[in-house]
Amino acid sequence: MPTFEKRIVVAKKDLDELNHVNNVRFVQWIQDISKAHWELLVGDEMRKNMVWVVTHHDISYKGAATEDQELRIKTYISESKGAQSMRIVEFYCTRTGTLLVRAKSQWCLLGATNFKPIRIPKAILSIFHEQET
């Protein structure tokens, strides 16, 4: 399964009253990296005709992220069936390599015009589930 990664630096605006990254901010980053991964791997035609929506998030917070900390965000699709895909997103402290947050999100593929679920086409399955070399 191909993975996608990016790095971010935690800003003051990302913090809550406890001075660590707010849970809502992590959810936004999960959505942002998921969208970036999709847009990187598929063409304009697929993006025009299909959209993804989240049906479920399961997020485990294992540690706190604080201001000025650099995070490595990693995502990949762990499985797909019918119209559904399970996406994993993990946040690591780049300095220590410690896993801070792990999210499993269920996404559903919809037609872009009628917003009804559609079976994930083989072309998409082959992109997100190809064997890494």
N, C-alpha and C. Protein backbone atom coordinates (compact mmCIF):
# COMPACT_ATOMS: atom_id res chain seq x y z
N MET A 1 0.83 -1.18 0.00
CA MET A 1 0.00 0.00 0.00
C MET A 1 0.87 1.25 0.00
N PRO A 2 0.71 2.12 -0.98
CA PRO A 2 1.52 3.34 -1.04
C PRO A 2 1.20 4.27 0.13
N THR A 3 2.23 4.80 0.71
CA THR A 3 2.04 5.76 1.79
C THR A 3 2.33 7.16 1.29
N PHE A 4 1.82 8.13 2.00
CA PHE A 4 2.04 9.54 1.71
C PHE A 4 2.41 10.20 3.03
N GLU A 5 3.41 11.06 2.99
CA GLU A 5 3.86 11.72 4.21
C GLU A 5 4.07 13.20 3.96
N LYS A 6 3.92 13.96 5.03
CA LYS A 6 4.28 15.37 5.01
C LYS A 6 4.68 15.77 6.43
N ARG A 7 5.34 16.89 6.53
CA ARG A 7 5.77 17.40 7.83
C ARG A 7 5.13 18.75 8.07
N ILE A 8 4.78 18.98 9.32
CA ILE A 8 4.24 20.29 9.71
C ILE A 8 4.90 20.71 11.02
N VAL A 9 4.87 21.99 11.28
CA VAL A 9 5.35 22.51 12.56
C VAL A 9 4.14 23.09 13.29
N VAL A 10 3.96 22.68 14.53
CA VAL A 10 2.83 23.13 15.33
C VAL A 10 2.96 24.63 15.62
N ALA A 11 1.90 25.36 15.32
CA ALA A 11 1.85 26.81 15.56
C ALA A 11 1.00 27.10 16.79
N LYS A 12 1.14 28.29 17.32
CA LYS A 12 0.37 28.71 18.50
C LYS A 12 -1.14 28.57 18.26
N LYS A 13 -1.59 28.88 17.05
CA LYS A 13 -3.02 28.81 16.72
C LYS A 13 -3.57 27.38 16.78
N ASP A 14 -2.68 26.37 16.77
CA ASP A 14 -3.10 24.97 16.82
C ASP A 14 -3.38 24.48 18.24
N LEU A 15 -3.03 25.30 19.23
CA LEU A 15 -3.09 24.88 20.64
C LEU A 15 -4.43 25.18 21.28
N ASP A 16 -4.74 24.41 22.33
CA ASP A 16 -5.92 24.68 23.14
C ASP A 16 -5.50 25.29 24.47
N GLU A 17 -6.42 25.36 25.42
CA GLU A 17 -6.13 25.99 26.72
C GLU A 17 -5.13 25.19 27.55
N LEU A 18 -4.85 23.96 27.17
CA LEU A 18 -3.85 23.14 27.87
C LEU A 18 -2.47 23.25 27.22
N ASN A 19 -2.36 24.13 26.21
CA ASN A 19 -1.12 24.37 25.47
C ASN A 19 -0.60 23.14 24.73
N HIS A 20 -1.51 22.30 24.27
CA HIS A 20 -1.13 21.25 23.33
C HIS A 20 -2.13 21.28 22.17
N VAL A 21 -1.80 20.56 21.11
CA VAL A 21 -2.64 20.62 19.91
C VAL A 21 -4.06 20.17 20.25
N ASN A 22 -5.00 20.99 19.84
CA ASN A 22 -6.41 20.75 20.05
C ASN A 22 -6.86 19.54 19.22
N ASN A 23 -7.75 18.72 19.78
CA ASN A 23 -8.26 17.53 19.09
C ASN A 23 -8.90 17.88 17.74
N VAL A 24 -9.60 19.00 17.69
CA VAL A 24 -10.25 19.42 16.45
C VAL A 24 -9.20 19.71 15.37
N ARG A 25 -8.06 20.23 15.76
CA ARG A 25 -6.98 20.51 14.81
C ARG A 25 -6.45 19.21 14.21
N PHE A 26 -6.30 18.17 15.04
CA PHE A 26 -5.86 16.88 14.51
C PHE A 26 -6.85 16.37 13.46
N VAL A 27 -8.15 16.51 13.72
CA VAL A 27 -9.15 16.06 12.74
C VAL A 27 -8.99 16.83 11.43
N GLN A 28 -8.74 18.13 11.50
CA GLN A 28 -8.53 18.92 10.29
C GLN A 28 -7.30 18.43 9.53
N TRP A 29 -6.21 18.15 10.26
CA TRP A 29 -4.99 17.65 9.61
C TRP A 29 -5.23 16.28 8.98
N ILE A 30 -6.05 15.44 9.63
CA ILE A 30 -6.40 14.13 9.05
C ILE A 30 -7.10 14.33 7.71
N GLN A 31 -8.04 15.23 7.68
CA GLN A 31 -8.76 15.51 6.44
C GLN A 31 -7.82 16.11 5.39
N ASP A 32 -6.96 17.04 5.81
CA ASP A 32 -6.06 17.70 4.87
C ASP A 32 -5.10 16.73 4.20
N ILE A 33 -4.48 15.84 4.98
CA ILE A 33 -3.51 14.91 4.37
C ILE A 33 -4.24 13.86 3.53
N SER A 34 -5.43 13.47 3.94
CA SER A 34 -6.22 12.52 3.14
C SER A 34 -6.53 13.10 1.77
N LYS A 35 -6.97 14.33 1.76
CA LYS A 35 -7.29 15.01 0.50
C LYS A 35 -6.03 15.18 -0.36
N ALA A 36 -4.92 15.57 0.25
CA ALA A 36 -3.67 15.76 -0.49
C ALA A 36 -3.20 14.45 -1.12
N HIS A 37 -3.34 13.34 -0.39
CA HIS A 37 -2.95 12.03 -0.91
C HIS A 37 -3.81 11.67 -2.12
N TRP A 38 -5.11 11.84 -2.00
CA TRP A 38 -6.04 11.56 -3.10
C TRP A 38 -5.68 12.41 -4.32
N GLU A 39 -5.49 13.70 -4.13
CA GLU A 39 -5.22 14.61 -5.24
C GLU A 39 -3.88 14.33 -5.90
N LEU A 40 -2.92 13.85 -5.15
CA LEU A 40 -1.61 13.52 -5.70
C LEU A 40 -1.67 12.32 -6.65
N LEU A 41 -2.48 11.32 -6.29
CA LEU A 41 -2.45 10.04 -7.01
C LEU A 41 -3.48 9.88 -8.13
N VAL A 42 -4.53 10.70 -8.14
CA VAL A 42 -5.55 10.53 -9.18
C VAL A 42 -5.61 11.76 -10.09
N GLY A 43 -6.12 11.54 -11.29
CA GLY A 43 -6.21 12.61 -12.28
C GLY A 43 -7.43 13.49 -12.10
N ASP A 44 -7.46 14.53 -12.90
CA ASP A 44 -8.55 15.51 -12.85
C ASP A 44 -9.92 14.87 -13.10
N GLU A 45 -9.97 13.92 -14.02
CA GLU A 45 -11.25 13.29 -14.36
C GLU A 45 -11.85 12.56 -13.16
N MET A 46 -11.01 11.81 -12.43
CA MET A 46 -11.51 11.11 -11.23
C MET A 46 -11.96 12.11 -10.17
N ARG A 47 -11.16 13.16 -9.97
CA ARG A 47 -11.52 14.16 -8.95
C ARG A 47 -12.81 14.88 -9.32
N LYS A 48 -13.05 15.04 -10.60
CA LYS A 48 -14.26 15.73 -11.06
C LYS A 48 -15.51 14.87 -10.87
N ASN A 49 -15.36 13.54 -10.99
CA ASN A 49 -16.51 12.65 -10.98
C ASN A 49 -16.79 11.95 -9.66
N MET A 50 -15.82 12.01 -8.72
CA MET A 50 -15.97 11.28 -7.46
C MET A 50 -15.52 12.14 -6.29
N VAL A 51 -16.18 11.95 -5.16
CA VAL A 51 -15.79 12.63 -3.92
C VAL A 51 -15.82 11.63 -2.77
N TRP A 52 -15.01 11.89 -1.77
CA TRP A 52 -14.96 11.05 -0.57
C TRP A 52 -15.58 11.79 0.60
N VAL A 53 -16.30 11.05 1.44
CA VAL A 53 -16.82 11.60 2.70
C VAL A 53 -16.46 10.63 3.83
N VAL A 54 -16.24 11.19 5.00
CA VAL A 54 -15.93 10.38 6.18
C VAL A 54 -17.23 9.88 6.78
N THR A 55 -17.26 8.59 7.13
CA THR A 55 -18.42 8.04 7.83
C THR A 55 -18.10 7.71 9.29
N HIS A 56 -16.78 7.63 9.60
CA HIS A 56 -16.41 7.28 10.97
C HIS A 56 -14.92 7.60 11.20
N HIS A 57 -14.64 8.20 12.37
CA HIS A 57 -13.25 8.40 12.82
C HIS A 57 -13.05 7.62 14.12
N ASP A 58 -11.93 6.96 14.25
CA ASP A 58 -11.51 6.33 15.50
C ASP A 58 -10.09 6.85 15.75
N ILE A 59 -9.95 7.72 16.74
CA ILE A 59 -8.68 8.40 16.98
C ILE A 59 -8.14 8.04 18.35
N SER A 60 -6.89 7.59 18.39
CA SER A 60 -6.21 7.28 19.65
C SER A 60 -5.12 8.32 19.88
N TYR A 61 -5.23 9.04 20.99
CA TYR A 61 -4.24 10.05 21.36
C TYR A 61 -3.27 9.41 22.34
N LYS A 62 -2.02 9.27 21.93
CA LYS A 62 -1.02 8.57 22.73
C LYS A 62 -0.03 9.53 23.38
N GLY A 63 -0.01 10.77 22.92
CA GLY A 63 0.90 11.78 23.46
C GLY A 63 0.48 13.15 22.97
N ALA A 64 1.04 14.17 23.58
CA ALA A 64 0.68 15.54 23.25
C ALA A 64 1.69 16.14 22.27
N ALA A 65 1.19 17.03 21.42
CA ALA A 65 2.05 17.81 20.53
C ALA A 65 1.97 19.26 20.99
N THR A 66 3.11 19.94 21.02
CA THR A 66 3.18 21.29 21.56
C THR A 66 3.74 22.27 20.52
N GLU A 67 3.66 23.54 20.85
CA GLU A 67 4.10 24.61 19.95
C GLU A 67 5.55 24.41 19.49
N ASP A 68 5.78 24.69 18.23
CA ASP A 68 7.09 24.61 17.56
C ASP A 68 7.58 23.18 17.35
N GLN A 69 6.81 22.18 17.75
CA GLN A 69 7.20 20.79 17.54
C GLN A 69 6.95 20.42 16.08
N GLU A 70 7.92 19.74 15.46
CA GLU A 70 7.72 19.26 14.10
C GLU A 70 7.08 17.88 14.15
N LEU A 71 6.04 17.69 13.33
CA LEU A 71 5.34 16.41 13.25
C LEU A 71 5.47 15.83 11.86
N ARG A 72 5.66 14.52 11.79
CA ARG A 72 5.62 13.79 10.53
C ARG A 72 4.26 13.10 10.48
N ILE A 73 3.50 13.39 9.44
CA ILE A 73 2.18 12.79 9.27
C ILE A 73 2.27 11.76 8.14
N LYS A 74 1.82 10.56 8.42
CA LYS A 74 1.89 9.45 7.46
C LYS A 74 0.47 8.92 7.25
N THR A 75 0.11 8.65 6.00
CA THR A 75 -1.21 8.09 5.73
C THR A 75 -1.14 7.02 4.64
N TYR A 76 -2.08 6.10 4.72
CA TYR A 76 -2.23 5.05 3.71
C TYR A 76 -3.61 4.42 3.85
N ILE A 77 -4.02 3.72 2.80
CA ILE A 77 -5.28 2.98 2.82
C ILE A 77 -4.97 1.55 3.26
N SER A 78 -5.60 1.09 4.33
CA SER A 78 -5.33 -0.26 4.82
C SER A 78 -6.22 -1.31 4.17
N GLU A 79 -7.43 -0.94 3.80
CA GLU A 79 -8.33 -1.89 3.14
C GLU A 79 -9.46 -1.13 2.44
N SER A 80 -10.03 -1.79 1.45
CA SER A 80 -11.16 -1.21 0.70
C SER A 80 -12.14 -2.33 0.37
N LYS A 81 -13.43 -1.99 0.40
CA LYS A 81 -14.47 -2.95 0.04
C LYS A 81 -15.71 -2.17 -0.39
N GLY A 82 -16.23 -2.52 -1.55
CA GLY A 82 -17.42 -1.84 -2.05
C GLY A 82 -17.14 -0.36 -2.28
N ALA A 83 -17.88 0.49 -1.58
CA ALA A 83 -17.70 1.94 -1.69
C ALA A 83 -16.83 2.49 -0.55
N GLN A 84 -16.34 1.61 0.35
CA GLN A 84 -15.67 2.04 1.57
C GLN A 84 -14.16 1.77 1.54
N SER A 85 -13.40 2.70 2.13
CA SER A 85 -11.97 2.50 2.35
C SER A 85 -11.63 2.90 3.78
N MET A 86 -10.72 2.15 4.38
CA MET A 86 -10.21 2.48 5.71
C MET A 86 -8.86 3.17 5.52
N ARG A 87 -8.76 4.40 5.98
CA ARG A 87 -7.53 5.18 5.87
C ARG A 87 -6.90 5.30 7.25
N ILE A 88 -5.60 5.06 7.32
CA ILE A 88 -4.83 5.21 8.55
C ILE A 88 -4.04 6.51 8.44
N VAL A 89 -4.05 7.30 9.50
CA VAL A 89 -3.22 8.51 9.57
C VAL A 89 -2.50 8.47 10.91
N GLU A 90 -1.18 8.62 10.86
CA GLU A 90 -0.36 8.59 12.08
C GLU A 90 0.47 9.86 12.17
N PHE A 91 0.58 10.38 13.38
CA PHE A 91 1.36 11.58 13.66
C PHE A 91 2.52 11.19 14.56
N TYR A 92 3.74 11.53 14.12
CA TYR A 92 4.95 11.21 14.87
C TYR A 92 5.70 12.49 15.21
N CYS A 93 6.31 12.53 16.37
CA CYS A 93 7.25 13.59 16.73
C CYS A 93 8.52 13.31 15.92
N THR A 94 8.96 14.26 15.09
CA THR A 94 10.14 13.99 14.26
C THR A 94 11.42 13.91 15.09
N ARG A 95 11.46 14.61 16.19
CA ARG A 95 12.67 14.60 17.02
C ARG A 95 12.90 13.26 17.69
N THR A 96 11.83 12.63 18.20
CA THR A 96 11.96 11.38 18.96
C THR A 96 11.48 10.16 18.20
N GLY A 97 10.67 10.36 17.15
CA GLY A 97 10.08 9.25 16.42
C GLY A 97 8.87 8.64 17.12
N THR A 98 8.44 9.25 18.20
CA THR A 98 7.32 8.74 19.00
C THR A 98 5.99 8.94 18.28
N LEU A 99 5.17 7.88 18.27
CA LEU A 99 3.82 7.98 17.73
C LEU A 99 2.96 8.74 18.73
N LEU A 100 2.36 9.85 18.28
CA LEU A 100 1.53 10.69 19.15
C LEU A 100 0.04 10.43 18.95
N VAL A 101 -0.37 10.24 17.71
CA VAL A 101 -1.79 10.07 17.39
C VAL A 101 -1.90 9.06 16.25
N ARG A 102 -2.90 8.17 16.37
CA ARG A 102 -3.20 7.23 15.29
C ARG A 102 -4.70 7.27 15.05
N ALA A 103 -5.06 7.52 13.79
CA ALA A 103 -6.48 7.59 13.43
C ALA A 103 -6.79 6.55 12.38
N LYS A 104 -7.95 5.90 12.54
CA LYS A 104 -8.51 5.02 11.51
C LYS A 104 -9.81 5.68 11.09
N SER A 105 -9.89 6.06 9.82
CA SER A 105 -11.09 6.74 9.32
C SER A 105 -11.71 5.95 8.19
N GLN A 106 -13.00 5.73 8.30
CA GLN A 106 -13.77 5.06 7.25
C GLN A 106 -14.25 6.13 6.28
N TRP A 107 -13.91 5.98 5.02
CA TRP A 107 -14.32 6.92 3.98
C TRP A 107 -15.22 6.19 2.99
N CYS A 108 -16.18 6.92 2.44
CA CYS A 108 -17.11 6.37 1.46
C CYS A 108 -16.99 7.18 0.17
N LEU A 109 -16.88 6.47 -0.97
CA LEU A 109 -16.77 7.12 -2.27
C LEU A 109 -18.17 7.41 -2.82
N LEU A 110 -18.38 8.66 -3.25
CA LEU A 110 -19.67 9.09 -3.78
C LEU A 110 -19.50 9.62 -5.19
N GLY A 111 -20.57 9.51 -5.98
CA GLY A 111 -20.61 10.19 -7.26
C GLY A 111 -20.68 11.69 -7.01
N ALA A 112 -19.95 12.48 -7.76
CA ALA A 112 -19.86 13.92 -7.51
C ALA A 112 -21.13 14.67 -7.88
N THR A 113 -21.98 14.09 -8.70
CA THR A 113 -23.19 14.81 -9.10
C THR A 113 -24.41 14.44 -8.26
N ASN A 114 -24.53 13.16 -7.89
CA ASN A 114 -25.71 12.74 -7.13
C ASN A 114 -25.41 12.43 -5.66
N PHE A 115 -24.15 12.40 -5.28
CA PHE A 115 -23.70 12.14 -3.91
C PHE A 115 -24.20 10.80 -3.36
N LYS A 116 -24.31 9.82 -4.26
CA LYS A 116 -24.68 8.47 -3.85
C LYS A 116 -23.43 7.59 -3.85
N PRO A 117 -23.37 6.62 -2.91
CA PRO A 117 -22.20 5.74 -2.86
C PRO A 117 -22.01 4.98 -4.18
N ILE A 118 -20.73 4.87 -4.56
CA ILE A 118 -20.39 4.07 -5.74
C ILE A 118 -19.25 3.12 -5.37
N ARG A 119 -19.29 1.96 -5.99
CA ARG A 119 -18.22 0.97 -5.80
C ARG A 119 -16.90 1.60 -6.24
N ILE A 120 -15.86 1.38 -5.46
CA ILE A 120 -14.55 1.93 -5.80
C ILE A 120 -14.05 1.23 -7.07
N PRO A 121 -13.79 2.01 -8.13
CA PRO A 121 -13.33 1.40 -9.39
C PRO A 121 -11.97 0.72 -9.23
N LYS A 122 -11.76 -0.30 -10.06
CA LYS A 122 -10.49 -1.03 -10.02
C LYS A 122 -9.30 -0.10 -10.24
N ALA A 123 -9.47 0.93 -11.05
CA ALA A 123 -8.37 1.87 -11.31
C ALA A 123 -7.92 2.55 -10.01
N ILE A 124 -8.86 2.88 -9.15
CA ILE A 124 -8.51 3.50 -7.87
C ILE A 124 -7.93 2.46 -6.92
N LEU A 125 -8.53 1.29 -6.88
CA LEU A 125 -8.00 0.23 -6.03
C LEU A 125 -6.54 -0.08 -6.37
N SER A 126 -6.24 -0.11 -7.66
CA SER A 126 -4.87 -0.43 -8.06
C SER A 126 -3.89 0.66 -7.64
N ILE A 127 -4.33 1.89 -7.61
CA ILE A 127 -3.47 3.01 -7.19
C ILE A 127 -3.18 2.91 -5.69
N PHE A 128 -4.21 2.71 -4.89
CA PHE A 128 -4.05 2.77 -3.44
C PHE A 128 -3.64 1.46 -2.80
N HIS A 129 -3.69 0.37 -3.54
CA HIS A 129 -3.33 -0.92 -2.96
C HIS A 129 -2.19 -1.62 -3.70
N GLU A 130 -1.49 -0.89 -4.56
CA GLU A 130 -0.37 -1.52 -5.26
C GLU A 130 0.73 -1.89 -4.27
N GLN A 131 1.48 -2.88 -4.60
CA GLN A 131 2.54 -3.35 -3.72
C GLN A 131 3.70 -2.36 -3.74
N GLU A 132 4.21 -2.03 -2.57
CA GLU A 132 5.40 -1.19 -2.48
C GLU A 132 6.61 -2.02 -2.84
N THR A 133 7.57 -1.38 -3.47
CA THR A 133 8.79 -2.09 -3.83
C THR A 133 9.93 -1.68 -2.95
